[in-house]
Amino acid sequence: MNFRKGQRREDPEINLIPFIDVLLVILIFLMVTTTYSKFTELQITLPTADAEKAVEQPNQIDVTVDAKGNYTINGAPVSFRDVPALAQAMKAAAKGGANPVVVVNADQFAMHQMVVNVMEAARIAGFDRLTFAAQSGSAK
């Protein structure tokens, strides 16, 4: 028995409202959990000094480190064998002065280990006054 003899069947419709709700929840979840590589990078700017150049002290040891790993003490090249040998070269450059200031002039591309070697050599040599040279702000 067919009670709907003359009527056509209605085509079923897809309800899009629940589908849109699920997509919005997924979109919010992805936006919250996404990490951006821009924020994971370490953005640093190295300092520059705007102060006037200090008067050169007579009791000063200038240690220069270049990007290739070469060391000079007061302009004289020093071959690096180990840290104690560098400390002996620094003591010889001090010329018996009482507690000289060790000025480290490191190239911006020099490895950190090279600078740490100079710092350790100054400690072994007994020089507790250490400073770093910086590029002046006007030399950009």
Protein backbone atom coordinates (compact mmCIF):
# COMPACT_ATOMS: atom_id res chain seq x y z
CA MET A 1 0.00 0.00 0.00
CA ASN A 2 1.42 3.18 -1.12
CA PHE A 3 -0.17 6.12 0.64
CA ARG A 4 1.87 8.73 -1.26
CA LYS A 5 0.91 7.76 -4.70
CA GLY A 6 1.03 11.04 -6.50
CA GLN A 7 3.81 12.78 -4.57
CA ARG A 8 7.47 12.74 -5.47
CA ARG A 9 10.13 11.97 -2.94
CA GLU A 10 12.20 14.90 -1.79
CA ASP A 11 15.91 14.72 -2.51
CA PRO A 12 17.99 14.57 0.67
CA GLU A 13 20.05 17.73 1.42
CA ILE A 14 23.43 17.83 3.05
CA ASN A 15 23.43 20.03 6.12
CA LEU A 16 26.63 22.16 5.93
CA ILE A 17 26.39 23.83 9.36
CA PRO A 18 28.02 20.97 11.36
CA PHE A 19 30.68 20.61 8.64
CA ILE A 20 31.59 24.31 8.90
CA ASP A 21 31.69 24.08 12.72
CA VAL A 22 34.17 21.19 12.58
CA LEU A 23 36.35 23.01 10.04
CA LEU A 24 36.47 26.13 12.22
CA VAL A 25 37.54 24.09 15.24
CA ILE A 26 40.28 22.40 13.19
CA LEU A 27 41.41 25.78 11.85
CA ILE A 28 41.64 27.28 15.34
CA PHE A 29 43.55 24.22 16.58
CA LEU A 30 46.06 24.50 13.72
CA MET A 31 46.54 28.23 14.26
CA VAL A 32 47.23 27.74 17.97
CA THR A 33 49.63 24.81 17.59
CA THR A 34 51.62 26.11 14.61
CA THR A 35 55.11 27.40 15.29
CA TYR A 36 56.61 29.97 13.01
CA SER A 37 60.29 29.77 12.12
CA LYS A 38 60.55 33.56 12.31
CA PHE A 39 60.05 33.45 16.06
CA THR A 40 62.42 30.56 16.67
CA GLU A 41 65.44 32.44 15.32
CA LEU A 42 67.61 34.34 17.75
CA GLN A 43 67.65 37.98 16.68
CA ILE A 44 70.62 39.77 18.23
CA THR A 45 72.46 42.95 17.45
CA LEU A 46 76.01 43.17 18.64
CA PRO A 47 76.88 46.29 20.62
CA THR A 48 78.88 49.22 19.37
CA ALA A 49 80.61 51.76 21.54
CA ASP A 50 79.93 55.47 21.13
CA ALA A 51 82.36 56.59 23.81
CA GLU A 52 85.54 58.47 23.06
CA LYS A 53 88.65 56.40 22.56
CA ALA A 54 90.42 55.82 25.83
CA VAL A 55 93.94 57.10 26.24
CA GLU A 56 96.32 54.23 25.55
CA GLN A 57 97.74 52.88 28.76
CA PRO A 58 101.43 52.06 28.89
CA ASN A 59 100.71 48.92 30.96
CA GLN A 60 98.48 47.21 28.42
CA ILE A 61 98.67 43.98 26.43
CA ASP A 62 96.82 43.95 23.10
CA VAL A 63 95.86 40.43 22.04
CA THR A 64 94.39 40.14 18.54
CA VAL A 65 92.49 37.10 17.26
CA ASP A 66 91.58 36.87 13.58
CA ALA A 67 89.03 34.68 11.84
CA LYS A 68 91.67 32.17 10.71
CA GLY A 69 92.82 31.44 14.26
CA ASN A 70 95.99 33.53 14.28
CA TYR A 71 97.02 35.30 17.50
CA THR A 72 99.15 38.41 17.91
CA ILE A 73 100.32 39.98 21.14
CA ASN A 74 101.14 43.69 20.91
CA GLY A 75 101.38 43.31 17.12
CA ALA A 76 103.83 40.40 17.19
CA PRO A 77 102.51 37.11 15.76
CA VAL A 78 102.35 34.21 18.19
CA SER A 79 101.98 30.58 17.16
CA PHE A 80 99.30 28.88 19.22
CA ARG A 81 100.27 25.49 20.59
CA ASP A 82 98.25 25.45 23.78
CA VAL A 83 96.84 27.82 26.37
CA PRO A 84 99.83 27.70 28.80
CA ALA A 85 102.20 28.64 25.93
CA LEU A 86 99.95 31.59 25.12
CA ALA A 87 100.03 32.57 28.80
CA GLN A 88 103.84 32.51 28.75
CA ALA A 89 103.86 34.76 25.67
CA MET A 90 101.50 37.16 27.45
CA LYS A 91 103.78 37.22 30.53
CA ALA A 92 106.76 37.97 28.28
CA ALA A 93 104.83 40.83 26.64
CA ALA A 94 103.98 42.33 30.04
CA LYS A 95 107.67 43.14 30.55
CA GLY A 96 107.42 42.76 34.30
CA GLY A 97 104.64 45.35 34.63
CA ALA A 98 102.34 45.04 37.59
CA ASN A 99 98.90 43.75 36.57
CA PRO A 100 98.52 45.01 33.00
CA VAL A 101 95.16 45.36 31.25
CA VAL A 102 94.61 42.65 28.63
CA VAL A 103 92.70 44.08 25.64
CA VAL A 104 91.14 41.40 23.42
CA ASN A 105 90.60 42.47 19.80
CA ALA A 106 88.62 39.61 18.25
CA ASP A 107 87.41 39.44 14.68
CA GLN A 108 83.65 39.12 14.38
CA PHE A 109 84.10 35.80 12.57
CA ALA A 110 86.58 34.38 15.11
CA MET A 111 85.38 31.27 16.91
CA HIS A 112 84.37 31.67 20.52
CA GLN A 113 86.92 29.06 21.55
CA MET A 114 89.76 31.33 20.39
CA VAL A 115 88.52 34.15 22.63
CA VAL A 116 88.07 31.72 25.52
CA ASN A 117 91.68 30.59 24.97
CA VAL A 118 92.86 34.19 25.42
CA MET A 119 90.75 34.59 28.54
CA GLU A 120 92.09 31.35 30.02
CA ALA A 121 95.68 32.34 29.16
CA ALA A 122 95.19 35.67 30.94
CA ARG A 123 93.90 33.81 34.00
CA ILE A 124 96.87 31.43 33.97
CA ALA A 125 99.29 34.38 33.57
CA GLY A 126 97.71 36.04 36.61
CA PHE A 127 96.20 39.01 34.74
CA ASP A 128 92.80 39.71 36.23
CA ARG A 129 92.06 42.92 34.30
CA LEU A 130 90.52 41.99 30.92
CA THR A 131 88.57 44.06 28.44
CA PHE A 132 87.27 43.71 24.90
CA ALA A 133 87.69 46.17 22.07
CA ALA A 134 84.52 47.15 20.19
CA GLN A 135 83.86 48.94 16.94
CA SER A 136 82.87 52.56 17.41
CA GLY A 137 79.31 53.47 16.45
CA SER A 138 80.40 56.14 13.97
CA ALA A 139 82.38 53.66 11.82
CA LYS A 140 79.27 52.10 10.23
